[in-house]
């Protein structure tokens, strides 16, 4: 077979292969959202292309329910860090935060019951969901959301310990953390769905890059900005 024919018959890359190839760390997860890689935390410090082998491991495949994107590292962006924004309750997510993140990777996560707002013990099958005594269609549910953006490396100091919670825990910024990606299976039985995917334009596209000022504005909008000491505030005025 000629090299030209070999190239034209090469199989398409899977999402995890393409993401790893683009410098992102992704790891298989089980039905309880737990990474199926014992040492995955070291991949917050470096790019780990060897994670790709786990997706082909037969013992891992038996337990795998999806894949997760790890925050922080991408060697193609040495002056940036990857931030995952987990919006557990979209009702508490400020419109200004949405405007800042607009156009970046964006996906839907788990459902909430439209009757009582609870997200636990929901079971969905065939587009019909049940929660306690409530039955409703999947399109009636309030879905969680997630975003991923690249920010200047110096912005990492604004997220203490790599994870920051806001809006009474309804929103999290994760640098040293992970978030499941589509088409992972949620414990409720639904699948995560892209709103704006890396392949939206037909070819791979990296997340939106925020400036330091834009990320500071996001942090402030979410109520995570530290108050300056009185003296510092007076000096700045």
C-alpha atoms as a PDB file:
ATOM      1  CA  UNK A   1       0.000   0.000   0.000  1.00  0.00           C
ATOM      2  CA  UNK A   2       1.383   3.412  -0.901  1.00  0.00           C
ATOM      3  CA  UNK A   3       2.049   6.007   1.766  1.00  0.00           C
ATOM      4  CA  UNK A   4      -0.676   8.159   0.196  1.00  0.00           C
ATOM      5  CA  UNK A   5      -3.253   5.357   0.504  1.00  0.00           C
ATOM      6  CA  UNK A   6      -2.102   4.648   4.070  1.00  0.00           C
ATOM      7  CA  UNK A   7      -2.716   8.267   4.985  1.00  0.00           C
ATOM      8  CA  UNK A   8      -6.177   8.336   3.456  1.00  0.00           C
ATOM      9  CA  UNK A   9      -7.240   5.149   5.271  1.00  0.00           C
ATOM     10  CA  UNK A  10      -5.925   6.195   8.663  1.00  0.00           C
ATOM     11  CA  UNK A  11      -8.703   6.037  11.260  1.00  0.00           C
ATOM     12  CA  UNK A  12      -9.962   9.295  12.804  1.00  0.00           C
ATOM     13  CA  UNK A  13      -8.610  10.203  16.206  1.00  0.00           C
ATOM     14  CA  UNK A  14     -10.878   9.586  19.199  1.00  0.00           C
ATOM     15  CA  UNK A  15     -11.705  12.586  21.426  1.00  0.00           C
ATOM     16  CA  UNK A  16      -9.257  11.500  24.117  1.00  0.00           C
ATOM     17  CA  UNK A  17      -6.490  11.016  21.540  1.00  0.00           C
ATOM     18  CA  UNK A  18      -7.073  14.434  20.032  1.00  0.00           C
ATOM     19  CA  UNK A  19      -7.259  16.165  23.410  1.00  0.00           C
ATOM     20  CA  UNK A  20      -4.073  14.472  24.637  1.00  0.00           C
ATOM     21  CA  UNK A  21      -2.391  15.299  21.340  1.00  0.00           C
ATOM     22  CA  UNK A  22      -3.378  18.947  21.790  1.00  0.00           C
ATOM     23  CA  UNK A  23      -1.628  19.004  25.180  1.00  0.00           C
ATOM     24  CA  UNK A  24      -4.573  18.497  27.541  1.00  0.00           C
ATOM     25  CA  UNK A  25      -4.711  15.829  30.233  1.00  0.00           C
ATOM     26  CA  UNK A  26      -7.754  13.561  30.111  1.00  0.00           C
ATOM     27  CA  UNK A  27      -8.384  10.457  32.169  1.00  0.00           C
ATOM     28  CA  UNK A  28     -11.020   7.670  32.093  1.00  0.00           C
ATOM     29  CA  UNK A  29     -13.502   7.723  34.991  1.00  0.00           C
ATOM     30  CA  UNK A  30     -15.852   5.155  36.499  1.00  0.00           C
ATOM     31  CA  UNK A  31     -19.614   5.394  37.130  1.00  0.00           C
ATOM     32  CA  UNK A  32     -18.967   7.295  40.385  1.00  0.00           C
ATOM     33  CA  UNK A  33     -16.879   9.908  38.510  1.00  0.00           C
ATOM     34  CA  UNK A  34     -13.630   8.595  40.000  1.00  0.00           C
ATOM     35  CA  UNK A  35     -10.484   8.727  37.827  1.00  0.00           C
ATOM     36  CA  UNK A  36      -9.263   5.293  36.792  1.00  0.00           C
ATOM     37  CA  UNK A  37      -5.638   6.366  37.140  1.00  0.00           C
ATOM     38  CA  UNK A  38      -4.126   6.075  40.634  1.00  0.00           C
ATOM     39  CA  UNK A  39      -1.459   8.739  40.005  1.00  0.00           C
ATOM     40  CA  UNK A  40      -3.572  11.223  38.055  1.00  0.00           C
ATOM     41  CA  UNK A  41      -2.805  14.090  40.481  1.00  0.00           C
ATOM     42  CA  UNK A  42       0.774  14.292  39.268  1.00  0.00           C
ATOM     43  CA  UNK A  43      -0.693  15.320  35.911  1.00  0.00           C
ATOM     44  CA  UNK A  44      -1.546  18.726  37.388  1.00  0.00           C
ATOM     45  CA  UNK A  45       2.224  19.286  37.275  1.00  0.00           C
ATOM     46  CA  UNK A  46       3.030  17.934  33.803  1.00  0.00           C
ATOM     47  CA  UNK A  47       1.485  16.738  30.574  1.00  0.00           C
ATOM     48  CA  UNK A  48       0.765  12.981  30.776  1.00  0.00           C
ATOM     49  CA  UNK A  49       0.356  11.479  27.297  1.00  0.00           C
ATOM     50  CA  UNK A  50       0.710   8.029  28.865  1.00  0.00           C
ATOM     51  CA  UNK A  51      -2.864   8.436  30.142  1.00  0.00           C
ATOM     52  CA  UNK A  52      -3.902   7.455  26.627  1.00  0.00           C
ATOM     53  CA  UNK A  53      -2.922   3.849  27.285  1.00  0.00           C
ATOM     54  CA  UNK A  54      -5.558   3.570  29.999  1.00  0.00           C
ATOM     55  CA  UNK A  55      -8.325   4.071  27.433  1.00  0.00           C
ATOM     56  CA  UNK A  56      -7.149   0.883  25.690  1.00  0.00           C
ATOM     57  CA  UNK A  57      -6.669  -1.185  28.849  1.00  0.00           C
ATOM     58  CA  UNK A  58      -9.293  -3.949  28.987  1.00  0.00           C
ATOM     59  CA  UNK A  59      -9.659  -3.836  32.770  1.00  0.00           C
ATOM     60  CA  UNK A  60     -10.185  -0.057  32.620  1.00  0.00           C
ATOM     61  CA  UNK A  61     -12.677  -0.313  29.764  1.00  0.00           C
ATOM     62  CA  UNK A  62     -14.870  -2.627  31.843  1.00  0.00           C
ATOM     63  CA  UNK A  63     -15.289   0.074  34.494  1.00  0.00           C
ATOM     64  CA  UNK A  64     -15.134   3.189  32.355  1.00  0.00           C
ATOM     65  CA  UNK A  65     -18.241   5.408  32.202  1.00  0.00           C
ATOM     66  CA  UNK A  66     -16.613   8.478  30.703  1.00  0.00           C
ATOM     67  CA  UNK A  67     -13.593  10.741  30.550  1.00  0.00           C
ATOM     68  CA  UNK A  68     -12.528  13.772  32.551  1.00  0.00           C
ATOM     69  CA  UNK A  69     -10.549  16.874  31.666  1.00  0.00           C
ATOM     70  CA  UNK A  70      -7.845  17.813  34.170  1.00  0.00           C
ATOM     71  CA  UNK A  71      -7.112  21.454  34.801  1.00  0.00           C
ATOM     72  CA  UNK A  72      -3.885  23.427  34.774  1.00  0.00           C
ATOM     73  CA  UNK A  73      -1.229  22.027  32.421  1.00  0.00           C
ATOM     74  CA  UNK A  74      -0.826  22.297  28.649  1.00  0.00           C
ATOM     75  CA  UNK A  75       2.760  22.379  27.318  1.00  0.00           C
ATOM     76  CA  UNK A  76       1.617  24.221  24.182  1.00  0.00           C
ATOM     77  CA  UNK A  77       0.640  27.121  26.448  1.00  0.00           C
ATOM     78  CA  UNK A  78       3.544  27.365  28.930  1.00  0.00           C
ATOM     79  CA  UNK A  79       2.443  30.810  30.109  1.00  0.00           C
ATOM     80  CA  UNK A  80      -1.185  29.772  30.654  1.00  0.00           C
ATOM     81  CA  UNK A  81      -3.162  27.505  32.966  1.00  0.00           C
ATOM     82  CA  UNK A  82      -6.404  25.715  32.124  1.00  0.00           C
ATOM     83  CA  UNK A  83      -9.341  26.598  34.367  1.00  0.00           C
ATOM     84  CA  UNK A  84     -12.519  24.523  34.541  1.00  0.00           C
ATOM     85  CA  UNK A  85     -15.659  26.340  35.678  1.00  0.00           C
ATOM     86  CA  UNK A  86     -18.228  23.934  37.143  1.00  0.00           C
ATOM     87  CA  UNK A  87     -21.701  25.478  37.338  1.00  0.00           C
ATOM     88  CA  UNK A  88     -23.632  23.116  39.576  1.00  0.00           C
ATOM     89  CA  UNK A  89     -26.699  25.384  39.754  1.00  0.00           C
ATOM     90  CA  UNK A  90     -27.096  27.677  36.702  1.00  0.00           C
ATOM     91  CA  UNK A  91     -29.757  29.699  38.531  1.00  0.00           C
ATOM     92  CA  UNK A  92     -26.959  31.157  40.672  1.00  0.00           C
ATOM     93  CA  UNK A  93     -24.522  31.822  37.817  1.00  0.00           C
ATOM     94  CA  UNK A  94     -24.230  35.574  37.100  1.00  0.00           C
ATOM     95  CA  UNK A  95     -24.968  36.804  33.570  1.00  0.00           C
ATOM     96  CA  UNK A  96     -21.723  38.756  33.599  1.00  0.00           C
ATOM     97  CA  UNK A  97     -19.782  35.519  34.176  1.00  0.00           C
ATOM     98  CA  UNK A  98     -21.543  33.992  31.163  1.00  0.00           C
ATOM     99  CA  UNK A  99     -20.544  36.957  29.021  1.00  0.00           C
ATOM    100  CA  UNK A 100     -16.896  36.615  30.037  1.00  0.00           C
ATOM    101  CA  UNK A 101     -16.860  32.876  29.195  1.00  0.00           C
ATOM    102  CA  UNK A 102     -18.982  33.117  26.047  1.00  0.00           C
ATOM    103  CA  UNK A 103     -17.516  31.294  23.054  1.00  0.00           C
ATOM    104  CA  UNK A 104     -15.222  28.980  25.026  1.00  0.00           C
ATOM    105  CA  UNK A 105     -15.653  25.239  25.541  1.00  0.00           C
ATOM    106  CA  UNK A 106     -19.045  24.791  27.168  1.00  0.00           C
ATOM    107  CA  UNK A 107     -21.042  21.659  27.991  1.00  0.00           C
ATOM    108  CA  UNK A 108     -24.079  20.423  29.909  1.00  0.00           C
ATOM    109  CA  UNK A 109     -23.655  18.162  32.936  1.00  0.00           C
ATOM    110  CA  UNK A 110     -26.149  16.567  35.343  1.00  0.00           C
ATOM    111  CA  UNK A 111     -29.890  17.307  35.796  1.00  0.00           C
ATOM    112  CA  UNK A 112     -31.925  18.857  38.599  1.00  0.00           C
ATOM    113  CA  UNK A 113     -35.530  17.999  39.359  1.00  0.00           C
ATOM    114  CA  UNK A 114     -37.767  20.854  38.068  1.00  0.00           C
ATOM    115  CA  UNK A 115     -40.199  20.300  40.953  1.00  0.00           C
ATOM    116  CA  UNK A 116     -37.856  20.636  43.945  1.00  0.00           C
ATOM    117  CA  UNK A 117     -34.481  21.600  42.472  1.00  0.00           C
ATOM    118  CA  UNK A 118     -32.720  18.552  43.938  1.00  0.00           C
ATOM    119  CA  UNK A 119     -29.970  16.912  41.882  1.00  0.00           C
ATOM    120  CA  UNK A 120     -29.600  13.678  43.846  1.00  0.00           C
ATOM    121  CA  UNK A 121     -31.137  10.269  43.096  1.00  0.00           C
ATOM    122  CA  UNK A 122     -32.555  11.254  39.705  1.00  0.00           C
ATOM    123  CA  UNK A 123     -32.984   8.370  37.281  1.00  0.00           C
ATOM    124  CA  UNK A 124     -33.502   9.028  33.564  1.00  0.00           C
ATOM    125  CA  UNK A 125     -34.287   6.571  30.789  1.00  0.00           C
ATOM    126  CA  UNK A 126     -35.617   7.130  27.306  1.00  0.00           C
ATOM    127  CA  UNK A 127     -35.950  10.877  27.854  1.00  0.00           C
ATOM    128  CA  UNK A 128     -38.112  10.408  30.988  1.00  0.00           C
ATOM    129  CA  UNK A 129     -36.681  11.206  34.431  1.00  0.00           C
ATOM    130  CA  UNK A 130     -37.911  10.304  37.915  1.00  0.00           C
ATOM    131  CA  UNK A 131     -37.078  11.801  41.281  1.00  0.00           C
ATOM    132  CA  UNK A 132     -38.980  10.607  44.340  1.00  0.00           C
ATOM    133  CA  UNK A 133     -42.659  11.102  43.434  1.00  0.00           C
ATOM    134  CA  UNK A 134     -41.909  13.367  40.481  1.00  0.00           C
ATOM    135  CA  UNK A 135     -41.779  12.329  36.822  1.00  0.00           C
ATOM    136  CA  UNK A 136     -40.675  14.736  34.109  1.00  0.00           C
ATOM    137  CA  UNK A 137     -39.133  14.917  30.649  1.00  0.00           C
ATOM    138  CA  UNK A 138     -35.400  15.407  30.331  1.00  0.00           C
ATOM    139  CA  UNK A 139     -35.895  18.706  28.469  1.00  0.00           C
ATOM    140  CA  UNK A 140     -37.757  20.026  31.526  1.00  0.00           C
ATOM    141  CA  UNK A 141     -34.767  19.571  33.796  1.00  0.00           C
ATOM    142  CA  UNK A 142     -32.307  22.263  34.771  1.00  0.00           C
ATOM    143  CA  UNK A 143     -28.916  20.988  33.639  1.00  0.00           C
ATOM    144  CA  UNK A 144     -25.631  21.845  35.250  1.00  0.00           C
ATOM    145  CA  UNK A 145     -22.973  23.393  33.040  1.00  0.00           C
ATOM    146  CA  UNK A 146     -19.222  23.564  32.699  1.00  0.00           C
ATOM    147  CA  UNK A 147     -16.725  25.738  30.842  1.00  0.00           C
ATOM    148  CA  UNK A 148     -12.996  25.543  30.198  1.00  0.00           C
ATOM    149  CA  UNK A 149     -10.773  28.565  29.562  1.00  0.00           C
ATOM    150  CA  UNK A 150      -7.083  29.367  29.395  1.00  0.00           C
ATOM    151  CA  UNK A 151      -5.814  32.165  31.641  1.00  0.00           C
ATOM    152  CA  UNK A 152      -2.375  33.696  32.297  1.00  0.00           C
ATOM    153  CA  UNK A 153      -0.297  31.555  34.672  1.00  0.00           C
ATOM    154  CA  UNK A 154      -0.042  34.421  37.171  1.00  0.00           C
ATOM    155  CA  UNK A 155      -3.837  34.218  37.600  1.00  0.00           C
ATOM    156  CA  UNK A 156      -3.417  30.896  39.414  1.00  0.00           C
ATOM    157  CA  UNK A 157      -2.713  32.750  42.659  1.00  0.00           C
ATOM    158  CA  UNK A 158      -6.304  34.040  42.558  1.00  0.00           C
ATOM    159  CA  UNK A 159      -7.605  30.488  43.087  1.00  0.00           C
ATOM    160  CA  UNK A 160      -6.260  29.350  46.444  1.00  0.00           C
ATOM    161  CA  UNK A 161      -5.266  25.668  46.608  1.00  0.00           C
ATOM    162  CA  UNK A 162      -6.386  25.260  42.995  1.00  0.00           C
ATOM    163  CA  UNK A 163     -10.125  25.086  43.751  1.00  0.00           C
ATOM    164  CA  UNK A 164     -12.473  27.894  44.775  1.00  0.00           C
ATOM    165  CA  UNK A 165     -16.194  27.644  45.544  1.00  0.00           C
ATOM    166  CA  UNK A 166     -18.669  30.460  45.035  1.00  0.00           C
ATOM    167  CA  UNK A 167     -22.394  31.180  45.261  1.00  0.00           C
ATOM    168  CA  UNK A 168     -22.863  28.834  48.248  1.00  0.00           C
ATOM    169  CA  UNK A 169     -21.067  26.039  46.411  1.00  0.00           C
ATOM    170  CA  UNK A 170     -23.150  26.428  43.234  1.00  0.00           C
ATOM    171  CA  UNK A 171     -20.051  27.395  41.190  1.00  0.00           C
ATOM    172  CA  UNK A 172     -16.466  26.134  41.373  1.00  0.00           C
ATOM    173  CA  UNK A 173     -13.298  27.305  39.689  1.00  0.00           C
ATOM    174  CA  UNK A 174     -10.937  24.359  39.295  1.00  0.00           C
ATOM    175  CA  UNK A 175      -7.303  24.548  38.313  1.00  0.00           C
ATOM    176  CA  UNK A 176      -6.142  21.547  40.326  1.00  0.00           C
ATOM    177  CA  UNK A 177      -9.337  19.642  39.681  1.00  0.00           C
ATOM    178  CA  UNK A 178     -11.200  17.791  36.951  1.00  0.00           C
ATOM    179  CA  UNK A 179     -14.580  17.774  35.243  1.00  0.00           C
ATOM    180  CA  UNK A 180     -16.265  15.067  33.187  1.00  0.00           C
ATOM    181  CA  UNK A 181     -16.565  15.751  29.465  1.00  0.00           C
ATOM    182  CA  UNK A 182     -19.139  14.680  26.864  1.00  0.00           C
ATOM    183  CA  UNK A 183     -20.116  12.008  26.055  1.00  0.00           C
ATOM    184  CA  UNK A 184     -19.572  10.712  29.611  1.00  0.00           C
ATOM    185  CA  UNK A 185     -22.447   8.927  31.304  1.00  0.00           C
ATOM    186  CA  UNK A 186     -23.884  10.789  34.301  1.00  0.00           C
ATOM    187  CA  UNK A 187     -25.027   8.661  37.297  1.00  0.00           C
ATOM    188  CA  UNK A 188     -28.618   9.690  36.472  1.00  0.00           C
ATOM    189  CA  UNK A 189     -28.373   7.863  33.140  1.00  0.00           C
ATOM    190  CA  UNK A 190     -28.057  10.886  30.852  1.00  0.00           C
ATOM    191  CA  UNK A 191     -24.954  11.822  28.879  1.00  0.00           C
ATOM    192  CA  UNK A 192     -22.974  15.025  29.093  1.00  0.00           C
ATOM    193  CA  UNK A 193     -23.580  17.181  25.986  1.00  0.00           C
ATOM    194  CA  UNK A 194     -21.518  19.827  24.230  1.00  0.00           C
ATOM    195  CA  UNK A 195     -22.887  23.334  23.807  1.00  0.00           C
ATOM    196  CA  UNK A 196     -19.648  24.697  22.309  1.00  0.00           C
ATOM    197  CA  UNK A 197     -17.225  21.869  21.582  1.00  0.00           C
ATOM    198  CA  UNK A 198     -13.533  21.867  20.620  1.00  0.00           C
ATOM    199  CA  UNK A 199     -14.693  20.665  17.189  1.00  0.00           C
ATOM    200  CA  UNK A 200     -17.426  23.272  16.733  1.00  0.00           C
ATOM    201  CA  UNK A 201     -15.915  24.705  13.547  1.00  0.00           C
ATOM    202  CA  UNK A 202     -15.052  21.335  12.010  1.00  0.00           C
ATOM    203  CA  UNK A 203     -11.472  21.349  13.248  1.00  0.00           C
ATOM    204  CA  UNK A 204      -9.947  21.310  16.705  1.00  0.00           C
ATOM    205  CA  UNK A 205     -10.123  24.635  18.522  1.00  0.00           C
ATOM    206  CA  UNK A 206      -8.522  25.432  21.876  1.00  0.00           C
ATOM    207  CA  UNK A 207     -10.530  27.077  24.673  1.00  0.00           C
ATOM    208  CA  UNK A 208     -10.940  30.831  24.804  1.00  0.00           C
ATOM    209  CA  UNK A 209      -7.962  32.703  26.240  1.00  0.00           C
ATOM    210  CA  UNK A 210      -8.867  35.222  28.903  1.00  0.00           C
ATOM    211  CA  UNK A 211      -6.633  38.135  29.796  1.00  0.00           C
ATOM    212  CA  UNK A 212      -5.586  38.602  33.404  1.00  0.00           C
ATOM    213  CA  UNK A 213      -8.046  41.473  33.717  1.00  0.00           C
ATOM    214  CA  UNK A 214     -10.894  39.348  32.312  1.00  0.00           C
ATOM    215  CA  UNK A 215     -10.142  36.542  34.762  1.00  0.00           C
ATOM    216  CA  UNK A 216      -9.974  39.004  37.644  1.00  0.00           C
ATOM    217  CA  UNK A 217     -13.369  40.302  36.564  1.00  0.00           C
ATOM    218  CA  UNK A 218     -14.712  36.728  36.533  1.00  0.00           C
ATOM    219  CA  UNK A 219     -13.339  36.126  40.039  1.00  0.00           C
ATOM    220  CA  UNK A 220     -14.883  39.381  41.266  1.00  0.00           C
ATOM    221  CA  UNK A 221     -18.209  38.611  39.594  1.00  0.00           C
ATOM    222  CA  UNK A 222     -18.330  35.296  41.433  1.00  0.00           C
ATOM    223  CA  UNK A 223     -17.561  36.991  44.737  1.00  0.00           C
ATOM    224  CA  UNK A 224     -14.173  35.337  45.119  1.00  0.00           C
ATOM    225  CA  UNK A 225     -11.965  38.437  45.139  1.00  0.00           C
ATOM    226  CA  UNK A 226     -10.155  39.015  48.401  1.00  0.00           C
ATOM    227  CA  UNK A 227     -10.883  42.282  50.129  1.00  0.00           C
ATOM    228  CA  UNK A 228      -7.861  44.518  50.387  1.00  0.00           C
ATOM    229  CA  UNK A 229      -6.702  45.745  53.800  1.00  0.00           C
ATOM    230  CA  UNK A 230      -8.103  49.149  54.741  1.00  0.00           C
ATOM    231  CA  UNK A 231      -4.713  50.806  54.424  1.00  0.00           C
ATOM    232  CA  UNK A 232      -4.131  49.381  50.946  1.00  0.00           C
ATOM    233  CA  UNK A 233      -7.562  50.539  49.857  1.00  0.00           C
ATOM    234  CA  UNK A 234      -6.917  54.076  51.094  1.00  0.00           C
ATOM    235  CA  UNK A 235      -3.530  54.136  49.366  1.00  0.00           C
ATOM    236  CA  UNK A 236      -5.153  53.130  46.096  1.00  0.00           C
ATOM    237  CA  UNK A 237      -7.841  55.815  46.277  1.00  0.00           C
END
